[in-house]
């Protein structure tokens, strides 16, 4: 069979809300093929398929803005729980 997984993580380096990083990873058969990193601000592909997806997703301004907003919407709202 096939294994598809999406992992969204908020990494907190300090109690200061400026030190939060959002990582949104897509994995197929235990190999990560694309990742959004809020520090980089865009998707990065790690396989041929991932690079093609990254190009398409990064060129869609609305889609990219929505992903960037997840840092504010999700990570910062849940920071108190993480601490």
Protein backbone atom coordinates (compact mmCIF):
# COMPACT_ATOMS: atom_id res chain seq x y z
CA UNK A 1 0.00 0.00 0.00
CA UNK A 2 0.82 3.65 0.01
CA UNK A 3 1.36 5.98 2.95
CA UNK A 4 0.41 9.68 2.72
CA UNK A 5 0.89 12.00 5.68
CA UNK A 6 0.74 15.70 6.42
CA UNK A 7 2.45 17.01 9.56
CA UNK A 8 1.94 20.58 10.80
CA UNK A 9 4.21 21.68 13.64
CA UNK A 10 4.66 24.87 15.59
CA UNK A 11 8.19 25.19 16.96
CA UNK A 12 8.58 27.52 19.93
CA UNK A 13 12.13 28.66 20.66
CA UNK A 14 11.22 31.09 23.43
CA UNK A 15 8.24 32.53 25.26
CA UNK A 16 8.54 35.55 22.99
CA UNK A 17 5.94 35.19 20.22
CA UNK A 18 8.56 36.33 17.70
CA UNK A 19 10.41 33.03 18.06
CA UNK A 20 7.66 30.82 16.61
CA UNK A 21 8.15 28.79 13.44
CA UNK A 22 5.47 26.93 11.47
CA UNK A 23 6.48 23.79 9.55
CA UNK A 24 3.92 22.16 7.22
CA UNK A 25 5.34 18.92 5.75
CA UNK A 26 3.90 16.51 3.18
CA UNK A 27 5.20 12.93 3.25
CA UNK A 28 4.64 10.07 0.81
CA UNK A 29 5.90 6.57 1.70
CA UNK A 30 8.05 7.97 4.51
CA UNK A 31 9.80 10.50 2.23
CA UNK A 32 9.10 14.19 2.71
CA UNK A 33 8.48 15.72 -0.70
CA UNK A 34 7.42 19.29 0.08
CA UNK A 35 7.55 21.63 3.08
CA UNK A 36 6.33 25.09 4.00
CA UNK A 37 8.54 26.88 6.51
CA UNK A 38 7.27 30.19 7.89
CA UNK A 39 10.85 31.44 8.30
CA UNK A 40 11.50 30.91 4.58
CA UNK A 41 7.95 32.09 3.74
CA UNK A 42 7.35 29.69 0.87
CA UNK A 43 7.11 26.03 -0.10
CA UNK A 44 10.29 24.09 -0.88
CA UNK A 45 10.22 20.84 -2.83
CA UNK A 46 12.58 17.93 -2.12
CA UNK A 47 11.61 15.58 -4.95
CA UNK A 48 10.69 16.15 -8.60
CA UNK A 49 6.99 16.01 -7.69
CA UNK A 50 7.56 18.29 -4.69
CA UNK A 51 9.44 20.89 -6.74
CA UNK A 52 6.57 21.05 -9.26
CA UNK A 53 4.03 21.43 -6.46
CA UNK A 54 6.15 24.09 -4.75
CA UNK A 55 6.34 26.13 -7.96
CA UNK A 56 2.56 25.95 -8.42
CA UNK A 57 1.68 26.65 -4.80
CA UNK A 58 4.19 29.52 -4.47
CA UNK A 59 2.79 31.18 -7.60
CA UNK A 60 -0.74 31.25 -6.10
CA UNK A 61 -0.65 34.40 -3.93
CA UNK A 62 -3.94 33.64 -2.13
CA UNK A 63 -2.89 30.08 -1.28
CA UNK A 64 0.51 31.24 -0.02
CA UNK A 65 -1.05 34.05 2.05
CA UNK A 66 -3.40 31.55 3.68
CA UNK A 67 -0.47 29.32 4.68
CA UNK A 68 1.47 32.30 6.05
CA UNK A 69 -1.58 33.26 8.10
CA UNK A 70 -1.55 29.89 9.88
CA UNK A 71 1.36 31.09 12.01
CA UNK A 72 -0.86 33.84 13.44
CA UNK A 73 -4.10 31.86 13.46
CA UNK A 74 -2.88 28.57 14.86
CA UNK A 75 0.61 28.75 16.37
CA UNK A 76 0.36 32.03 18.24
CA UNK A 77 -3.14 31.20 19.52
CA UNK A 78 -1.88 27.92 21.00
CA UNK A 79 1.42 29.20 22.37
CA UNK A 80 0.13 29.34 25.95
CA UNK A 81 -0.82 25.63 25.78
CA UNK A 82 2.64 24.72 24.48
CA UNK A 83 4.31 26.54 27.37
